[in-house]
Amino acid sequence: MKSCVYIETSIPSYLTGRPSRDLIVAGWQQITAQWWDECRQNYDLYTSELVVAEASSGNPEAAERRLYSLKDIHELLIDDEVEDLASKLIENRAVPATAKADAIHIAVAAVQKMDYFLTWNCRHINNATKKPVIRKVCADFGYICPEICTPLELLIEVSNDL
């Protein structure tokens, strides 16, 4: 059985964005494309209605590219259980109140028992000081937090790389 990966909005954004002149962003775009091309078939991919909504906004051509990248990915619903856990993440300061969408992303992935949460959001989600708090809040309310990581951390090791 394949592991389940929640695809957060930053993934299709980096995957389909115009090549950046910023070296860090360009690197993240390249790593995202490499993971997408070489690794995604090894996982069951999921996203949420929130990701679809976020990917739909902005420049129409860019939105179309983002949505196209999500077209064959299972879409998870945001229900009362997800909303409740998202509120708990905010109330317990795992995620700032100004980042409610981030709390919903984490909550839907935890409620739906995802194994991994793929993101480039290192401000409120994949942050070394926030992840322990996020894991604790999820556990305190009976959920297992998925492993929050970037595509770089989820690349399959190739023997030539060792």
C-alpha atoms as a PDB file:
ATOM      1  CA  MET A   1       0.000   0.000   0.000  1.00  0.00           C
ATOM      2  CA  LYS A   2       1.292   3.439  -0.947  1.00  0.00           C
ATOM      3  CA  SER A   3       1.764   6.216   1.581  1.00  0.00           C
ATOM      4  CA  CYS A   4      -0.666   9.133   1.346  1.00  0.00           C
ATOM      5  CA  VAL A   5       0.611  12.650   0.611  1.00  0.00           C
ATOM      6  CA  TYR A   6      -1.378  15.849   1.105  1.00  0.00           C
ATOM      7  CA  ILE A   7      -0.445  18.380  -1.570  1.00  0.00           C
ATOM      8  CA  GLU A   8      -0.658  21.915  -0.151  1.00  0.00           C
ATOM      9  CA  THR A   9      -1.087  24.960  -2.432  1.00  0.00           C
ATOM     10  CA  SER A  10       2.585  25.923  -2.555  1.00  0.00           C
ATOM     11  CA  ILE A  11       3.396  22.714  -4.456  1.00  0.00           C
ATOM     12  CA  PRO A  12       1.349  23.426  -7.620  1.00  0.00           C
ATOM     13  CA  SER A  13       2.426  27.068  -7.320  1.00  0.00           C
ATOM     14  CA  TYR A  14       6.138  26.211  -7.473  1.00  0.00           C
ATOM     15  CA  LEU A  15       5.525  23.424  -9.975  1.00  0.00           C
ATOM     16  CA  THR A  16       3.749  25.600 -12.538  1.00  0.00           C
ATOM     17  CA  GLY A  17       5.127  29.064 -11.830  1.00  0.00           C
ATOM     18  CA  ARG A  18       7.241  30.984 -14.292  1.00  0.00           C
ATOM     19  CA  PRO A  19      10.950  30.296 -13.745  1.00  0.00           C
ATOM     20  CA  SER A  20      12.186  32.636 -11.054  1.00  0.00           C
ATOM     21  CA  ARG A  21      15.362  34.723 -11.126  1.00  0.00           C
ATOM     22  CA  ASP A  22      15.548  34.387  -7.329  1.00  0.00           C
ATOM     23  CA  LEU A  23      18.046  31.567  -6.765  1.00  0.00           C
ATOM     24  CA  ILE A  24      16.215  30.053  -3.782  1.00  0.00           C
ATOM     25  CA  VAL A  25      12.827  30.121  -5.470  1.00  0.00           C
ATOM     26  CA  ALA A  26      14.331  28.706  -8.685  1.00  0.00           C
ATOM     27  CA  GLY A  27      15.868  25.890  -6.661  1.00  0.00           C
ATOM     28  CA  TRP A  28      12.554  25.112  -4.987  1.00  0.00           C
ATOM     29  CA  GLN A  29      10.855  25.123  -8.391  1.00  0.00           C
ATOM     30  CA  GLN A  30      13.419  22.681  -9.767  1.00  0.00           C
ATOM     31  CA  ILE A  31      13.166  20.364  -6.746  1.00  0.00           C
ATOM     32  CA  THR A  32       9.358  20.456  -6.930  1.00  0.00           C
ATOM     33  CA  ALA A  33       9.431  19.532 -10.627  1.00  0.00           C
ATOM     34  CA  GLN A  34      11.920  16.735  -9.927  1.00  0.00           C
ATOM     35  CA  TRP A  35       9.737  15.291  -7.140  1.00  0.00           C
ATOM     36  CA  TRP A  36       6.642  15.615  -9.329  1.00  0.00           C
ATOM     37  CA  ASP A  37       8.298  13.852 -12.290  1.00  0.00           C
ATOM     38  CA  GLU A  38      10.245  11.180 -10.422  1.00  0.00           C
ATOM     39  CA  CYS A  39       8.455  10.463  -7.152  1.00  0.00           C
ATOM     40  CA  ARG A  40       4.768  11.307  -7.120  1.00  0.00           C
ATOM     41  CA  GLN A  41       3.764   8.000  -8.714  1.00  0.00           C
ATOM     42  CA  ASN A  42       5.075   6.251  -5.587  1.00  0.00           C
ATOM     43  CA  TYR A  43       2.376   7.878  -3.430  1.00  0.00           C
ATOM     44  CA  ASP A  44      -1.378   8.285  -3.287  1.00  0.00           C
ATOM     45  CA  LEU A  45      -1.880  12.037  -3.663  1.00  0.00           C
ATOM     46  CA  TYR A  46      -4.604  14.083  -1.994  1.00  0.00           C
ATOM     47  CA  THR A  47      -5.453  17.738  -1.861  1.00  0.00           C
ATOM     48  CA  SER A  48      -8.429  19.673  -0.525  1.00  0.00           C
ATOM     49  CA  GLU A  49     -11.157  21.986  -1.671  1.00  0.00           C
ATOM     50  CA  LEU A  50      -9.162  24.786  -0.024  1.00  0.00           C
ATOM     51  CA  VAL A  51      -6.135  24.062  -2.231  1.00  0.00           C
ATOM     52  CA  VAL A  52      -8.364  24.117  -5.300  1.00  0.00           C
ATOM     53  CA  ALA A  53      -9.865  27.444  -4.198  1.00  0.00           C
ATOM     54  CA  GLU A  54      -6.442  28.975  -3.505  1.00  0.00           C
ATOM     55  CA  ALA A  55      -5.015  27.617  -6.776  1.00  0.00           C
ATOM     56  CA  SER A  56      -7.960  29.174  -8.638  1.00  0.00           C
ATOM     57  CA  SER A  57      -7.119  32.709  -7.556  1.00  0.00           C
ATOM     58  CA  GLY A  58      -4.806  35.215  -9.172  1.00  0.00           C
ATOM     59  CA  ASN A  59      -3.704  35.433 -12.772  1.00  0.00           C
ATOM     60  CA  PRO A  60      -6.115  33.351 -14.899  1.00  0.00           C
ATOM     61  CA  GLU A  61      -3.379  31.677 -16.982  1.00  0.00           C
ATOM     62  CA  ALA A  62      -1.338  30.802 -13.874  1.00  0.00           C
ATOM     63  CA  ALA A  63      -4.473  29.547 -12.118  1.00  0.00           C
ATOM     64  CA  GLU A  64      -5.262  27.320 -15.086  1.00  0.00           C
ATOM     65  CA  ARG A  65      -1.771  25.761 -14.918  1.00  0.00           C
ATOM     66  CA  ARG A  66      -2.077  25.180 -11.155  1.00  0.00           C
ATOM     67  CA  LEU A  67      -5.524  23.609 -11.499  1.00  0.00           C
ATOM     68  CA  TYR A  68      -4.350  21.401 -14.358  1.00  0.00           C
ATOM     69  CA  SER A  69      -1.582  20.006 -12.140  1.00  0.00           C
ATOM     70  CA  LEU A  70      -4.237  19.093  -9.538  1.00  0.00           C
ATOM     71  CA  LYS A  71      -6.749  17.554 -11.945  1.00  0.00           C
ATOM     72  CA  ASP A  72      -6.133  13.879 -11.146  1.00  0.00           C
ATOM     73  CA  ILE A  73      -5.613  14.295  -7.404  1.00  0.00           C
ATOM     74  CA  HIS A  74      -8.255  13.167  -4.911  1.00  0.00           C
ATOM     75  CA  GLU A  75      -9.941  16.157  -3.264  1.00  0.00           C
ATOM     76  CA  LEU A  76     -10.643  15.985   0.486  1.00  0.00           C
ATOM     77  CA  LEU A  77     -13.617  17.831   1.935  1.00  0.00           C
ATOM     78  CA  ILE A  78     -13.453  20.325   4.751  1.00  0.00           C
ATOM     79  CA  ASP A  79     -16.072  19.323   7.308  1.00  0.00           C
ATOM     80  CA  ASP A  80     -16.929  20.269  10.898  1.00  0.00           C
ATOM     81  CA  GLU A  81     -14.262  17.918  12.292  1.00  0.00           C
ATOM     82  CA  VAL A  82     -11.600  19.648  10.178  1.00  0.00           C
ATOM     83  CA  GLU A  83     -12.876  23.103  11.158  1.00  0.00           C
ATOM     84  CA  ASP A  84     -12.799  22.092  14.841  1.00  0.00           C
ATOM     85  CA  LEU A  85      -9.191  20.880  14.711  1.00  0.00           C
ATOM     86  CA  ALA A  86      -8.182  24.002  12.750  1.00  0.00           C
ATOM     87  CA  SER A  87      -9.699  26.122  15.539  1.00  0.00           C
ATOM     88  CA  LYS A  88      -7.772  24.107  18.141  1.00  0.00           C
ATOM     89  CA  LEU A  89      -4.527  24.676  16.216  1.00  0.00           C
ATOM     90  CA  ILE A  90      -5.161  28.432  16.341  1.00  0.00           C
ATOM     91  CA  GLU A  91      -6.408  28.518  19.955  1.00  0.00           C
ATOM     92  CA  ASN A  92      -3.312  26.612  21.098  1.00  0.00           C
ATOM     93  CA  ARG A  93      -0.959  28.870  19.110  1.00  0.00           C
ATOM     94  CA  ALA A  94       0.312  26.188  16.762  1.00  0.00           C
ATOM     95  CA  VAL A  95      -0.753  28.448  13.894  1.00  0.00           C
ATOM     96  CA  PRO A  96      -1.375  32.208  14.122  1.00  0.00           C
ATOM     97  CA  ALA A  97      -4.974  33.421  13.872  1.00  0.00           C
ATOM     98  CA  THR A  98      -3.979  35.341  10.743  1.00  0.00           C
ATOM     99  CA  ALA A  99      -3.146  32.028   9.019  1.00  0.00           C
ATOM    100  CA  LYS A 100      -6.484  30.217   9.334  1.00  0.00           C
ATOM    101  CA  ALA A 101      -6.070  28.639   5.881  1.00  0.00           C
ATOM    102  CA  ASP A 102      -2.807  27.040   7.047  1.00  0.00           C
ATOM    103  CA  ALA A 103      -4.584  25.616  10.090  1.00  0.00           C
ATOM    104  CA  ILE A 104      -7.260  24.153   7.806  1.00  0.00           C
ATOM    105  CA  HIS A 105      -4.620  22.548   5.570  1.00  0.00           C
ATOM    106  CA  ILE A 106      -2.984  20.894   8.586  1.00  0.00           C
ATOM    107  CA  ALA A 107      -6.330  19.840  10.040  1.00  0.00           C
ATOM    108  CA  VAL A 108      -7.660  18.228   6.867  1.00  0.00           C
ATOM    109  CA  ALA A 109      -4.424  16.267   6.456  1.00  0.00           C
ATOM    110  CA  ALA A 110      -4.494  15.083  10.092  1.00  0.00           C
ATOM    111  CA  VAL A 111      -8.215  14.248  10.160  1.00  0.00           C
ATOM    112  CA  GLN A 112      -7.906  12.316   6.883  1.00  0.00           C
ATOM    113  CA  LYS A 113      -4.853  10.405   8.204  1.00  0.00           C
ATOM    114  CA  MET A 114      -2.326  11.519   5.604  1.00  0.00           C
ATOM    115  CA  ASP A 115       1.196  10.132   6.030  1.00  0.00           C
ATOM    116  CA  TYR A 116       2.961  13.192   4.598  1.00  0.00           C
ATOM    117  CA  PHE A 117       2.106  16.878   4.204  1.00  0.00           C
ATOM    118  CA  LEU A 118       4.036  18.342   1.267  1.00  0.00           C
ATOM    119  CA  THR A 119       4.608  22.096   1.389  1.00  0.00           C
ATOM    120  CA  TRP A 120       7.042  24.926   0.822  1.00  0.00           C
ATOM    121  CA  ASN A 121       5.242  27.012   3.470  1.00  0.00           C
ATOM    122  CA  CYS A 122       8.101  27.306   5.948  1.00  0.00           C
ATOM    123  CA  ARG A 123       6.588  30.284   7.741  1.00  0.00           C
ATOM    124  CA  HIS A 124       3.587  28.737   9.489  1.00  0.00           C
ATOM    125  CA  ILE A 125       3.686  25.032   8.619  1.00  0.00           C
ATOM    126  CA  ASN A 126       7.090  23.485   7.836  1.00  0.00           C
ATOM    127  CA  ASN A 127       8.865  25.483  10.505  1.00  0.00           C
ATOM    128  CA  ALA A 128      11.190  23.904  13.082  1.00  0.00           C
ATOM    129  CA  THR A 129       9.638  25.883  15.948  1.00  0.00           C
ATOM    130  CA  LYS A 130       6.037  25.327  14.837  1.00  0.00           C
ATOM    131  CA  LYS A 131       6.093  21.608  13.934  1.00  0.00           C
ATOM    132  CA  PRO A 132       6.458  20.318  17.517  1.00  0.00           C
ATOM    133  CA  VAL A 133       3.538  22.512  18.610  1.00  0.00           C
ATOM    134  CA  ILE A 134       1.432  21.394  15.629  1.00  0.00           C
ATOM    135  CA  ARG A 135       2.187  17.723  16.428  1.00  0.00           C
ATOM    136  CA  LYS A 136       1.314  18.221  20.100  1.00  0.00           C
ATOM    137  CA  VAL A 137      -2.007  19.926  19.400  1.00  0.00           C
ATOM    138  CA  CYS A 138      -2.972  17.213  16.939  1.00  0.00           C
ATOM    139  CA  ALA A 139      -2.048  14.515  19.466  1.00  0.00           C
ATOM    140  CA  ASP A 140      -3.836  16.277  22.329  1.00  0.00           C
ATOM    141  CA  PHE A 141      -7.062  16.087  20.320  1.00  0.00           C
ATOM    142  CA  GLY A 142      -6.610  12.491  19.153  1.00  0.00           C
ATOM    143  CA  TYR A 143      -4.998  12.941  15.748  1.00  0.00           C
ATOM    144  CA  ILE A 144      -1.653  11.936  14.307  1.00  0.00           C
ATOM    145  CA  CYS A 145      -0.011  14.821  12.507  1.00  0.00           C
ATOM    146  CA  PRO A 146       1.364  13.812   9.106  1.00  0.00           C
ATOM    147  CA  GLU A 147       5.088  14.234   8.545  1.00  0.00           C
ATOM    148  CA  ILE A 148       5.376  17.827   7.330  1.00  0.00           C
ATOM    149  CA  CYS A 149       8.083  18.141   4.691  1.00  0.00           C
ATOM    150  CA  THR A 150       9.239  19.755   1.458  1.00  0.00           C
ATOM    151  CA  PRO A 151       9.656  17.890  -1.826  1.00  0.00           C
ATOM    152  CA  LEU A 152      13.412  17.884  -1.160  1.00  0.00           C
ATOM    153  CA  GLU A 153      12.857  15.840   2.002  1.00  0.00           C
ATOM    154  CA  LEU A 154      10.625  13.367   0.171  1.00  0.00           C
ATOM    155  CA  LEU A 155      12.877  12.694  -2.819  1.00  0.00           C
ATOM    156  CA  ILE A 156      13.700   9.030  -3.211  1.00  0.00           C
ATOM    157  CA  GLU A 157      17.341   8.203  -2.607  1.00  0.00           C
ATOM    158  CA  VAL A 158      19.169   7.112  -5.701  1.00  0.00           C
ATOM    159  CA  SER A 159      22.206   4.854  -5.288  1.00  0.00           C
ATOM    160  CA  ASN A 160      24.359   7.317  -7.276  1.00  0.00           C
ATOM    161  CA  ASP A 161      23.589   9.988  -4.700  1.00  0.00           C
ATOM    162  CA  LEU A 162      25.127   8.024  -1.830  1.00  0.00           C
END
